[in-house]
Amino acid sequence: MTTTIIAGTPNPAGGMYYGPTGTALPTDSTTALDVALLSLGVVSNDGMAASKSRDTTNVTDWLGNIVLVLQTAYTETYVVTLIEALKSDVAKLVAGDGNVTATAATGGTGNKLAVVNDGQQLPHKAFVFDLLHAATGATKRIAIPDGQVTSVGDVTYSNSAAVGYQVTITAFKDSSGNFSYEYTDDGSGSSSS
């Protein structure tokens, strides 16, 4: 069996995590994550879309021939829809930590959330996406040391779909000058391959 192919399925233990910037991030795809990284729960079946975009400008000579291509910008974004809409960590990600009050269930009520939408810029966080291809045991992790939710899509309330928050996370350079880190293990050393 070819072990260099992996599906983009989340690790059943959790596919997406976040925590404060400065949290120790993984340096491989299999080591246990730092406890400061919190699971954001179930992601919609659309999965996660990663975009690495390079803006360029062509420099031409007098005849109009391209003689040089200059990179003018690099942008790295990740788009995912979180569908555990009643999870406090999801609410904190989309509204800001200080804008969510969670109250634990009591004898007469369930877990409660009170969310204030103040429109302020959301804070920078660390993010990890954790993938596992169960058939081969292959794993992949994407670690973003400094990311920020820069967009929250429209939320649809319908009887035919789960309420979800589509978030766009924009990655920023870390102290080493990198936007993200990717780690894989093809699973060839595991008993499931």
N, C-alpha and C. Protein backbone atom coordinates (compact mmCIF):
# COMPACT_ATOMS: atom_id res chain seq x y z
N MET A 1 0.84 -1.18 0.00
CA MET A 1 0.00 0.00 0.00
C MET A 1 0.89 1.25 0.00
N THR A 2 0.50 2.26 -0.78
CA THR A 2 1.25 3.51 -0.82
C THR A 2 1.00 4.29 0.47
N THR A 3 2.07 4.66 1.13
CA THR A 3 1.93 5.39 2.39
C THR A 3 2.27 6.87 2.25
N THR A 4 2.34 7.35 1.02
CA THR A 4 2.63 8.77 0.83
C THR A 4 1.38 9.56 0.44
N ILE A 5 0.22 8.93 0.58
CA ILE A 5 -1.06 9.59 0.30
C ILE A 5 -1.82 9.69 1.61
N ILE A 6 -2.39 10.86 1.86
CA ILE A 6 -3.16 11.06 3.10
C ILE A 6 -4.44 11.81 2.77
N ALA A 7 -5.52 11.40 3.42
CA ALA A 7 -6.78 12.13 3.29
C ALA A 7 -6.78 13.24 4.34
N GLY A 8 -7.57 14.26 4.11
CA GLY A 8 -7.63 15.40 5.02
C GLY A 8 -8.63 15.21 6.13
N THR A 9 -8.63 14.03 6.75
CA THR A 9 -9.58 13.76 7.83
C THR A 9 -9.00 14.19 9.18
N PRO A 10 -9.85 14.71 10.06
CA PRO A 10 -9.33 15.14 11.36
C PRO A 10 -9.00 13.94 12.24
N ASN A 11 -8.10 14.17 13.15
CA ASN A 11 -7.82 13.17 14.17
C ASN A 11 -9.09 13.04 15.02
N PRO A 12 -9.60 11.82 15.23
CA PRO A 12 -10.83 11.68 16.03
C PRO A 12 -10.72 12.28 17.43
N ALA A 13 -9.51 12.39 17.96
CA ALA A 13 -9.32 13.00 19.28
C ALA A 13 -9.53 14.51 19.23
N GLY A 14 -9.52 15.09 18.05
CA GLY A 14 -9.71 16.53 17.87
C GLY A 14 -8.96 16.99 16.64
N GLY A 15 -9.60 17.80 15.82
CA GLY A 15 -8.99 18.24 14.57
C GLY A 15 -8.46 19.65 14.60
N MET A 16 -8.94 20.46 15.53
CA MET A 16 -8.52 21.87 15.57
C MET A 16 -8.42 22.33 17.01
N TYR A 17 -7.30 22.98 17.31
CA TYR A 17 -7.03 23.47 18.65
C TYR A 17 -6.58 24.92 18.60
N TYR A 18 -6.76 25.61 19.70
CA TYR A 18 -6.24 26.98 19.80
C TYR A 18 -5.83 27.27 21.23
N GLY A 19 -4.97 28.28 21.38
CA GLY A 19 -4.52 28.69 22.70
C GLY A 19 -3.82 30.03 22.60
N PRO A 20 -3.30 30.51 23.70
CA PRO A 20 -2.62 31.80 23.68
C PRO A 20 -1.37 31.76 22.80
N THR A 21 -1.04 32.88 22.18
CA THR A 21 0.24 32.94 21.47
C THR A 21 1.33 32.71 22.51
N GLY A 22 2.40 32.09 22.09
CA GLY A 22 3.47 31.74 23.01
C GLY A 22 3.32 30.35 23.59
N THR A 23 2.18 29.70 23.34
CA THR A 23 1.99 28.32 23.79
C THR A 23 2.99 27.44 23.06
N ALA A 24 3.57 26.48 23.76
CA ALA A 24 4.50 25.53 23.13
C ALA A 24 3.75 24.74 22.08
N LEU A 25 4.21 24.84 20.84
CA LEU A 25 3.56 24.13 19.74
C LEU A 25 4.33 22.87 19.40
N PRO A 26 3.66 21.90 18.78
CA PRO A 26 4.33 20.65 18.45
C PRO A 26 5.43 20.86 17.41
N THR A 27 6.40 19.97 17.44
CA THR A 27 7.47 19.98 16.44
C THR A 27 7.47 18.67 15.65
N ASP A 28 6.37 17.94 15.75
CA ASP A 28 6.15 16.75 14.94
C ASP A 28 4.65 16.52 14.86
N SER A 29 4.24 15.43 14.23
CA SER A 29 2.80 15.20 14.04
C SER A 29 2.21 14.19 15.00
N THR A 30 2.99 13.73 15.99
CA THR A 30 2.48 12.67 16.85
C THR A 30 2.57 12.95 18.35
N THR A 31 3.43 13.85 18.78
CA THR A 31 3.59 14.13 20.20
C THR A 31 2.32 14.77 20.77
N ALA A 32 1.99 14.46 22.01
CA ALA A 32 0.81 15.04 22.66
C ALA A 32 0.92 16.56 22.66
N LEU A 33 -0.22 17.22 22.46
CA LEU A 33 -0.27 18.68 22.43
C LEU A 33 -0.20 19.25 23.84
N ASP A 34 0.32 20.47 23.94
CA ASP A 34 0.35 21.21 25.21
C ASP A 34 -1.09 21.35 25.72
N VAL A 35 -1.28 21.21 27.03
CA VAL A 35 -2.62 21.29 27.62
C VAL A 35 -3.25 22.68 27.46
N ALA A 36 -2.45 23.69 27.15
CA ALA A 36 -3.00 25.04 26.94
C ALA A 36 -3.75 25.14 25.61
N LEU A 37 -3.55 24.17 24.72
CA LEU A 37 -4.26 24.16 23.44
C LEU A 37 -5.61 23.47 23.64
N LEU A 38 -6.68 24.20 23.41
CA LEU A 38 -8.04 23.72 23.66
C LEU A 38 -8.71 23.28 22.36
N SER A 39 -9.44 22.19 22.43
CA SER A 39 -10.14 21.68 21.24
C SER A 39 -11.32 22.59 20.90
N LEU A 40 -11.47 22.86 19.61
CA LEU A 40 -12.61 23.65 19.14
C LEU A 40 -13.75 22.74 18.68
N GLY A 41 -13.63 21.45 18.95
CA GLY A 41 -14.74 20.53 18.71
C GLY A 41 -14.91 20.15 17.25
N VAL A 42 -16.15 19.89 16.90
CA VAL A 42 -16.49 19.34 15.59
C VAL A 42 -16.44 20.43 14.52
N VAL A 43 -15.79 20.09 13.41
CA VAL A 43 -15.70 20.95 12.24
C VAL A 43 -16.67 20.40 11.19
N SER A 44 -17.28 21.27 10.40
CA SER A 44 -18.23 20.82 9.38
C SER A 44 -17.55 19.91 8.38
N ASN A 45 -18.37 19.20 7.59
CA ASN A 45 -17.82 18.27 6.60
C ASN A 45 -17.11 18.97 5.45
N ASP A 46 -17.11 20.29 5.43
CA ASP A 46 -16.32 21.02 4.43
C ASP A 46 -14.84 20.95 4.75
N GLY A 47 -14.51 20.56 5.98
CA GLY A 47 -13.11 20.45 6.38
C GLY A 47 -12.46 21.81 6.55
N MET A 48 -11.18 21.86 6.25
CA MET A 48 -10.40 23.07 6.39
C MET A 48 -9.77 23.40 5.04
N ALA A 49 -9.84 24.64 4.65
CA ALA A 49 -9.20 25.09 3.40
C ALA A 49 -8.03 25.99 3.75
N ALA A 50 -6.84 25.60 3.30
CA ALA A 50 -5.63 26.39 3.52
C ALA A 50 -5.26 27.10 2.23
N SER A 51 -4.93 28.36 2.34
CA SER A 51 -4.55 29.15 1.16
C SER A 51 -3.22 29.84 1.43
N LYS A 52 -2.30 29.64 0.51
CA LYS A 52 -1.00 30.33 0.58
C LYS A 52 -0.89 31.13 -0.71
N SER A 53 -1.09 32.43 -0.58
CA SER A 53 -1.21 33.31 -1.74
C SER A 53 0.00 34.25 -1.84
N ARG A 54 0.56 34.31 -3.04
CA ARG A 54 1.67 35.22 -3.31
C ARG A 54 1.22 36.25 -4.35
N ASP A 55 1.24 37.51 -3.95
CA ASP A 55 0.95 38.59 -4.89
C ASP A 55 2.25 38.99 -5.57
N THR A 56 2.18 39.18 -6.87
CA THR A 56 3.38 39.51 -7.63
C THR A 56 3.13 40.68 -8.58
N THR A 57 4.22 41.31 -8.96
CA THR A 57 4.20 42.37 -9.96
C THR A 57 5.23 42.01 -11.03
N ASN A 58 4.79 42.07 -12.28
CA ASN A 58 5.71 41.80 -13.39
C ASN A 58 6.46 43.07 -13.77
N VAL A 59 7.75 42.94 -13.97
CA VAL A 59 8.58 44.02 -14.49
C VAL A 59 8.89 43.66 -15.93
N THR A 60 8.59 44.59 -16.85
CA THR A 60 8.80 44.31 -18.27
C THR A 60 9.86 45.25 -18.85
N ASP A 61 10.44 44.79 -19.94
CA ASP A 61 11.38 45.65 -20.65
C ASP A 61 10.62 46.51 -21.65
N TRP A 62 11.37 47.25 -22.45
CA TRP A 62 10.78 48.19 -23.39
C TRP A 62 9.90 47.50 -24.42
N LEU A 63 10.17 46.23 -24.69
CA LEU A 63 9.38 45.47 -25.67
C LEU A 63 8.16 44.79 -25.04
N GLY A 64 8.01 44.93 -23.74
CA GLY A 64 6.87 44.31 -23.07
C GLY A 64 7.14 42.90 -22.59
N ASN A 65 8.37 42.42 -22.69
CA ASN A 65 8.72 41.09 -22.21
C ASN A 65 8.91 41.11 -20.70
N ILE A 66 8.40 40.10 -20.02
CA ILE A 66 8.61 40.00 -18.58
C ILE A 66 10.07 39.64 -18.34
N VAL A 67 10.74 40.49 -17.56
CA VAL A 67 12.16 40.25 -17.27
C VAL A 67 12.39 39.95 -15.78
N LEU A 68 11.37 40.24 -14.97
CA LEU A 68 11.50 40.01 -13.54
C LEU A 68 10.11 39.93 -12.93
N VAL A 69 9.93 39.04 -11.98
CA VAL A 69 8.68 38.95 -11.23
C VAL A 69 9.01 39.24 -9.76
N LEU A 70 8.38 40.28 -9.23
CA LEU A 70 8.61 40.68 -7.84
C LEU A 70 7.46 40.20 -6.97
N GLN A 71 7.77 39.55 -5.87
CA GLN A 71 6.73 39.20 -4.91
C GLN A 71 6.48 40.41 -4.03
N THR A 72 5.21 40.84 -4.00
CA THR A 72 4.86 42.05 -3.24
C THR A 72 4.15 41.73 -1.93
N ALA A 73 3.62 40.53 -1.81
CA ALA A 73 2.94 40.15 -0.57
C ALA A 73 2.80 38.63 -0.51
N TYR A 74 2.72 38.14 0.71
CA TYR A 74 2.43 36.72 0.95
C TYR A 74 1.37 36.67 2.04
N THR A 75 0.31 35.92 1.79
CA THR A 75 -0.78 35.79 2.75
C THR A 75 -1.09 34.31 2.94
N GLU A 76 -1.24 33.92 4.20
CA GLU A 76 -1.59 32.54 4.51
C GLU A 76 -2.86 32.57 5.36
N THR A 77 -3.92 31.91 4.85
CA THR A 77 -5.19 31.87 5.58
C THR A 77 -5.71 30.44 5.66
N TYR A 78 -6.54 30.24 6.66
CA TYR A 78 -7.17 28.94 6.90
C TYR A 78 -8.65 29.20 7.16
N VAL A 79 -9.51 28.50 6.44
CA VAL A 79 -10.96 28.69 6.58
C VAL A 79 -11.57 27.38 7.07
N VAL A 80 -12.37 27.47 8.11
CA VAL A 80 -12.99 26.29 8.71
C VAL A 80 -14.32 26.71 9.30
N THR A 81 -15.29 25.79 9.30
CA THR A 81 -16.58 26.07 9.92
C THR A 81 -16.72 25.22 11.16
N LEU A 82 -16.85 25.88 12.29
CA LEU A 82 -16.98 25.22 13.59
C LEU A 82 -18.46 25.05 13.89
N ILE A 83 -18.88 23.81 14.14
CA ILE A 83 -20.32 23.57 14.30
C ILE A 83 -20.74 23.21 15.73
N GLU A 84 -19.82 23.29 16.69
CA GLU A 84 -20.25 23.16 18.08
C GLU A 84 -20.56 24.56 18.60
N ALA A 85 -21.65 25.10 18.11
CA ALA A 85 -22.01 26.50 18.36
C ALA A 85 -22.28 26.80 19.83
N LEU A 86 -22.55 25.79 20.63
CA LEU A 86 -22.83 26.02 22.05
C LEU A 86 -21.60 25.78 22.92
N LYS A 87 -20.46 25.56 22.31
CA LYS A 87 -19.21 25.33 23.05
C LYS A 87 -18.59 26.68 23.40
N SER A 88 -18.23 26.87 24.66
CA SER A 88 -17.73 28.18 25.10
C SER A 88 -16.44 28.58 24.38
N ASP A 89 -15.55 27.62 24.10
CA ASP A 89 -14.31 27.98 23.41
C ASP A 89 -14.57 28.46 21.98
N VAL A 90 -15.58 27.91 21.33
CA VAL A 90 -15.95 28.38 19.99
C VAL A 90 -16.48 29.81 20.09
N ALA A 91 -17.35 30.06 21.07
CA ALA A 91 -17.89 31.42 21.26
C ALA A 91 -16.76 32.41 21.55
N LYS A 92 -15.79 32.01 22.37
CA LYS A 92 -14.67 32.90 22.68
C LYS A 92 -13.82 33.19 21.46
N LEU A 93 -13.65 32.20 20.59
CA LEU A 93 -12.86 32.41 19.38
C LEU A 93 -13.53 33.43 18.45
N VAL A 94 -14.85 33.35 18.31
CA VAL A 94 -15.53 34.22 17.35
C VAL A 94 -15.98 35.56 17.93
N ALA A 95 -16.02 35.68 19.26
CA ALA A 95 -16.47 36.94 19.87
C ALA A 95 -15.41 37.60 20.73
N GLY A 96 -14.37 36.86 21.11
CA GLY A 96 -13.34 37.40 21.99
C GLY A 96 -13.49 36.84 23.39
N ASP A 97 -12.38 36.51 24.01
CA ASP A 97 -12.39 35.86 25.34
C ASP A 97 -13.22 36.62 26.36
N GLY A 98 -13.04 37.93 26.44
CA GLY A 98 -13.72 38.73 27.46
C GLY A 98 -15.18 38.99 27.16
N ASN A 99 -15.65 38.55 26.01
CA ASN A 99 -17.04 38.82 25.61
C ASN A 99 -17.96 37.63 25.82
N VAL A 100 -17.44 36.56 26.44
CA VAL A 100 -18.23 35.35 26.65
C VAL A 100 -18.22 35.01 28.13
N THR A 101 -19.41 34.83 28.69
CA THR A 101 -19.55 34.36 30.05
C THR A 101 -20.21 32.99 30.00
N ALA A 102 -19.51 32.00 30.54
CA ALA A 102 -20.03 30.63 30.58
C ALA A 102 -20.45 30.30 32.00
N THR A 103 -21.64 29.73 32.12
CA THR A 103 -22.15 29.31 33.41
C THR A 103 -22.43 27.81 33.35
N ALA A 104 -21.85 27.07 34.28
CA ALA A 104 -22.00 25.61 34.29
C ALA A 104 -23.44 25.22 34.62
N ALA A 105 -23.81 24.05 34.16
CA ALA A 105 -25.14 23.51 34.41
C ALA A 105 -25.40 23.36 35.90
N THR A 106 -26.64 23.59 36.27
CA THR A 106 -27.08 23.38 37.64
C THR A 106 -28.23 22.38 37.60
N GLY A 107 -28.84 22.15 38.73
CA GLY A 107 -29.95 21.21 38.78
C GLY A 107 -31.11 21.60 37.88
N GLY A 108 -31.33 22.88 37.68
CA GLY A 108 -32.49 23.32 36.91
C GLY A 108 -32.19 23.82 35.51
N THR A 109 -30.90 24.02 35.18
CA THR A 109 -30.58 24.55 33.86
C THR A 109 -29.38 23.82 33.28
N GLY A 110 -29.23 23.96 31.99
CA GLY A 110 -28.06 23.41 31.32
C GLY A 110 -26.93 24.42 31.33
N ASN A 111 -25.84 24.08 30.62
CA ASN A 111 -24.73 25.03 30.48
C ASN A 111 -25.22 26.25 29.73
N LYS A 112 -24.84 27.42 30.19
CA LYS A 112 -25.31 28.67 29.59
C LYS A 112 -24.13 29.48 29.07
N LEU A 113 -24.38 30.21 28.00
CA LEU A 113 -23.42 31.17 27.45
C LEU A 113 -24.12 32.51 27.31
N ALA A 114 -23.42 33.57 27.67
CA ALA A 114 -23.86 34.93 27.39
C ALA A 114 -22.75 35.56 26.56
N VAL A 115 -23.10 36.01 25.35
CA VAL A 115 -22.10 36.52 24.41
C VAL A 115 -22.42 37.97 24.08
N VAL A 116 -21.40 38.81 24.19
CA VAL A 116 -21.51 40.22 23.80
C VAL A 116 -20.72 40.40 22.52
N ASN A 117 -21.35 40.97 21.51
CA ASN A 117 -20.67 41.23 20.24
C ASN A 117 -20.33 42.71 20.16
N ASP A 118 -19.08 43.06 20.50
CA ASP A 118 -18.71 44.47 20.55
C ASP A 118 -17.98 44.96 19.30
N GLY A 119 -17.72 44.07 18.37
CA GLY A 119 -17.10 44.48 17.11
C GLY A 119 -15.62 44.79 17.19
N GLN A 120 -15.00 44.56 18.34
CA GLN A 120 -13.57 44.84 18.49
C GLN A 120 -12.75 43.79 17.74
N GLN A 121 -11.54 44.18 17.39
CA GLN A 121 -10.62 43.27 16.72
C GLN A 121 -10.36 42.07 17.62
N LEU A 122 -10.36 40.88 17.04
CA LEU A 122 -10.14 39.67 17.82
C LEU A 122 -8.66 39.47 18.10
N PRO A 123 -8.34 38.85 19.23
CA PRO A 123 -6.93 38.70 19.62
C PRO A 123 -6.19 37.65 18.80
N HIS A 124 -4.88 37.76 18.80
CA HIS A 124 -4.02 36.76 18.15
C HIS A 124 -3.99 35.52 19.04
N LYS A 125 -3.95 34.35 18.40
CA LYS A 125 -3.92 33.07 19.10
C LYS A 125 -2.97 32.13 18.37
N ALA A 126 -2.62 31.03 19.02
CA ALA A 126 -1.89 29.94 18.37
C ALA A 126 -2.93 28.90 17.95
N PHE A 127 -2.69 28.25 16.80
CA PHE A 127 -3.63 27.24 16.29
C PHE A 127 -2.89 25.98 15.86
N VAL A 128 -3.57 24.84 15.98
CA VAL A 128 -3.04 23.58 15.47
C VAL A 128 -4.17 22.83 14.79
N PHE A 129 -3.90 22.35 13.58
CA PHE A 129 -4.80 21.44 12.87
C PHE A 129 -4.16 20.06 12.93
N ASP A 130 -4.94 19.05 13.31
CA ASP A 130 -4.43 17.71 13.55
C ASP A 130 -5.16 16.72 12.65
N LEU A 131 -4.44 16.09 11.72
CA LEU A 131 -5.04 15.16 10.76
C LEU A 131 -4.54 13.75 11.01
N LEU A 132 -5.41 12.77 10.74
CA LEU A 132 -5.05 11.36 10.87
C LEU A 132 -5.74 10.59 9.76
N HIS A 133 -4.96 9.83 9.00
CA HIS A 133 -5.53 8.92 8.00
C HIS A 133 -5.53 7.53 8.64
N ALA A 134 -6.68 7.11 9.15
CA ALA A 134 -6.76 5.90 9.97
C ALA A 134 -6.31 4.64 9.22
N ALA A 135 -6.57 4.57 7.92
CA ALA A 135 -6.23 3.35 7.16
C ALA A 135 -4.73 3.08 7.14
N THR A 136 -3.92 4.13 7.13
CA THR A 136 -2.47 3.95 7.05
C THR A 136 -1.74 4.37 8.32
N GLY A 137 -2.43 5.07 9.21
CA GLY A 137 -1.78 5.60 10.40
C GLY A 137 -1.00 6.88 10.13
N ALA A 138 -1.11 7.41 8.91
CA ALA A 138 -0.40 8.64 8.56
C ALA A 138 -1.01 9.82 9.31
N THR A 139 -0.14 10.73 9.74
CA THR A 139 -0.58 11.92 10.46
C THR A 139 0.02 13.17 9.84
N LYS A 140 -0.68 14.27 10.03
CA LYS A 140 -0.16 15.58 9.60
C LYS A 140 -0.64 16.61 10.60
N ARG A 141 0.25 17.54 10.91
CA ARG A 141 -0.11 18.67 11.78
C ARG A 141 0.31 19.95 11.10
N ILE A 142 -0.53 20.95 11.26
CA ILE A 142 -0.20 22.30 10.84
C ILE A 142 -0.25 23.16 12.09
N ALA A 143 0.86 23.79 12.43
CA ALA A 143 0.95 24.63 13.61
C ALA A 143 1.12 26.08 13.19
N ILE A 144 0.28 26.94 13.74
CA ILE A 144 0.31 28.37 13.43
C ILE A 144 0.60 29.10 14.75
N PRO A 145 1.84 29.57 14.94
CA PRO A 145 2.19 30.21 16.21
C PRO A 145 1.44 31.52 16.47
N ASP A 146 1.12 32.25 15.40
CA ASP A 146 0.48 33.56 15.55
C ASP A 146 -0.59 33.71 14.49
N GLY A 147 -1.82 33.45 14.86
CA GLY A 147 -2.94 33.58 13.93
C GLY A 147 -4.02 34.45 14.55
N GLN A 148 -4.87 34.96 13.69
CA GLN A 148 -5.96 35.82 14.15
C GLN A 148 -7.19 35.55 13.32
N VAL A 149 -8.34 35.43 13.97
CA VAL A 149 -9.60 35.33 13.24
C VAL A 149 -9.86 36.71 12.64
N THR A 150 -9.82 36.78 11.32
CA THR A 150 -9.99 38.06 10.63
C THR A 150 -11.35 38.16 9.94
N SER A 151 -12.09 37.07 9.94
CA SER A 151 -13.42 37.10 9.35
C SER A 151 -14.27 35.99 9.96
N VAL A 152 -15.53 36.32 10.24
CA VAL A 152 -16.52 35.32 10.65
C VAL A 152 -17.65 35.43 9.64
N GLY A 153 -17.92 34.32 8.96
CA GLY A 153 -18.93 34.33 7.90
C GLY A 153 -20.34 34.46 8.45
N ASP A 154 -21.29 34.58 7.51
CA ASP A 154 -22.70 34.64 7.89
C ASP A 154 -23.09 33.37 8.63
N VAL A 155 -23.92 33.52 9.64
CA VAL A 155 -24.42 32.38 10.40
C VAL A 155 -25.87 32.15 9.97
N THR A 156 -26.15 30.94 9.51
CA THR A 156 -27.49 30.59 9.06
C THR A 156 -28.19 29.77 10.14
N TYR A 157 -29.38 30.18 10.48
CA TYR A 157 -30.21 29.44 11.44
C TYR A 157 -31.31 28.78 10.63
N SER A 158 -31.25 27.45 10.56
CA SER A 158 -32.16 26.70 9.70
C SER A 158 -32.44 25.35 10.32
N ASN A 159 -33.58 24.75 9.98
CA ASN A 159 -33.88 23.41 10.50
C ASN A 159 -33.24 22.31 9.66
N SER A 160 -32.43 22.69 8.66
CA SER A 160 -31.81 21.68 7.79
C SER A 160 -30.29 21.65 7.88
N ALA A 161 -29.72 22.42 8.81
CA ALA A 161 -28.26 22.43 8.94
C ALA A 161 -27.88 22.83 10.37
N ALA A 162 -26.68 22.38 10.77
CA ALA A 162 -26.17 22.78 12.08
C ALA A 162 -25.76 24.24 12.04
N VAL A 163 -25.96 24.93 13.13
CA VAL A 163 -25.47 26.31 13.25
C VAL A 163 -23.95 26.22 13.27
N GLY A 164 -23.31 27.04 12.46
CA GLY A 164 -21.86 27.00 12.39
C GLY A 164 -21.26 28.39 12.22
N TYR A 165 -20.02 28.49 12.65
CA TYR A 165 -19.26 29.73 12.50
C TYR A 165 -18.11 29.47 11.55
N GLN A 166 -18.21 30.04 10.34
CA GLN A 166 -17.11 29.92 9.40
C GLN A 166 -16.10 31.02 9.71
N VAL A 167 -14.92 30.59 10.13
CA VAL A 167 -13.89 31.55 10.51
C VAL A 167 -12.74 31.50 9.52
N THR A 168 -12.19 32.66 9.24
CA THR A 168 -10.96 32.77 8.47
C THR A 168 -9.87 33.18 9.43
N ILE A 169 -8.83 32.36 9.49
CA ILE A 169 -7.69 32.63 10.35
C ILE A 169 -6.55 33.10 9.45
N THR A 170 -6.03 34.27 9.74
CA THR A 170 -4.88 34.79 9.00
C THR A 170 -3.63 34.56 9.84
N ALA A 171 -2.61 33.96 9.21
CA ALA A 171 -1.36 33.68 9.92
C ALA A 171 -0.42 34.88 9.80
N PHE A 172 0.32 35.14 10.87
CA PHE A 172 1.32 36.20 10.90
C PHE A 172 2.69 35.56 11.16
N LYS A 173 3.74 36.25 10.77
CA LYS A 173 5.09 35.74 11.01
C LYS A 173 5.37 35.64 12.50
N ASP A 174 6.03 34.54 12.88
CA ASP A 174 6.46 34.40 14.26
C ASP A 174 7.85 35.00 14.44
N SER A 175 8.45 34.81 15.60
CA SER A 175 9.76 35.40 15.88
C SER A 175 10.87 34.83 14.99
N SER A 176 10.62 33.67 14.37
CA SER A 176 11.59 33.08 13.44
C SER A 176 11.31 33.49 12.00
N GLY A 177 10.27 34.29 11.78
CA GLY A 177 9.95 34.76 10.44
C GLY A 177 9.09 33.80 9.64
N ASN A 178 8.43 32.85 10.31
CA ASN A 178 7.61 31.85 9.63
C ASN A 178 6.13 32.03 9.97
N PHE A 179 5.28 31.72 8.98
CA PHE A 179 3.84 31.83 9.17
C PHE A 179 3.25 30.57 9.80
N SER A 180 3.76 29.41 9.40
CA SER A 180 3.23 28.15 9.90
C SER A 180 4.28 27.07 9.76
N TYR A 181 3.98 25.93 10.38
CA TYR A 181 4.87 24.77 10.33
C TYR A 181 4.01 23.55 10.03
N GLU A 182 4.49 22.68 9.15
CA GLU A 182 3.77 21.45 8.82
C GLU A 182 4.65 20.25 9.12
N TYR A 183 4.04 19.25 9.76
CA TYR A 183 4.77 18.04 10.14
C TYR A 183 3.96 16.83 9.71
N THR A 184 4.62 15.81 9.20
CA THR A 184 3.93 14.59 8.79
C THR A 184 4.68 13.36 9.30
N ASP A 185 3.95 12.27 9.37
CA ASP A 185 4.49 10.95 9.65
C ASP A 185 3.67 10.01 8.76
N ASP A 186 4.33 9.30 7.85
CA ASP A 186 3.59 8.49 6.88
C ASP A 186 2.98 7.22 7.48
N GLY A 187 3.22 6.96 8.75
CA GLY A 187 2.61 5.83 9.41
C GLY A 187 3.25 4.49 9.11
N SER A 188 4.32 4.49 8.32
CA SER A 188 4.91 3.21 7.92
C SER A 188 5.50 2.44 9.09
N GLY A 189 5.76 3.10 10.20
CA GLY A 189 6.29 2.42 11.37
C GLY A 189 5.22 1.95 12.33
N SER A 190 3.94 2.28 12.03
CA SER A 190 2.86 1.90 12.93
C SER A 190 2.30 0.53 12.56
N SER A 191 1.61 -0.12 13.47
CA SER A 191 1.06 -1.45 13.23
C SER A 191 -0.14 -1.43 12.32
N SER A 192 -0.77 -0.23 12.06
CA SER A 192 -1.96 -0.17 11.23
C SER A 192 -1.65 -0.08 9.75
N SER A 193 -0.35 0.10 9.37
CA SER A 193 -0.03 0.24 7.95
C SER A 193 0.29 -1.08 7.32
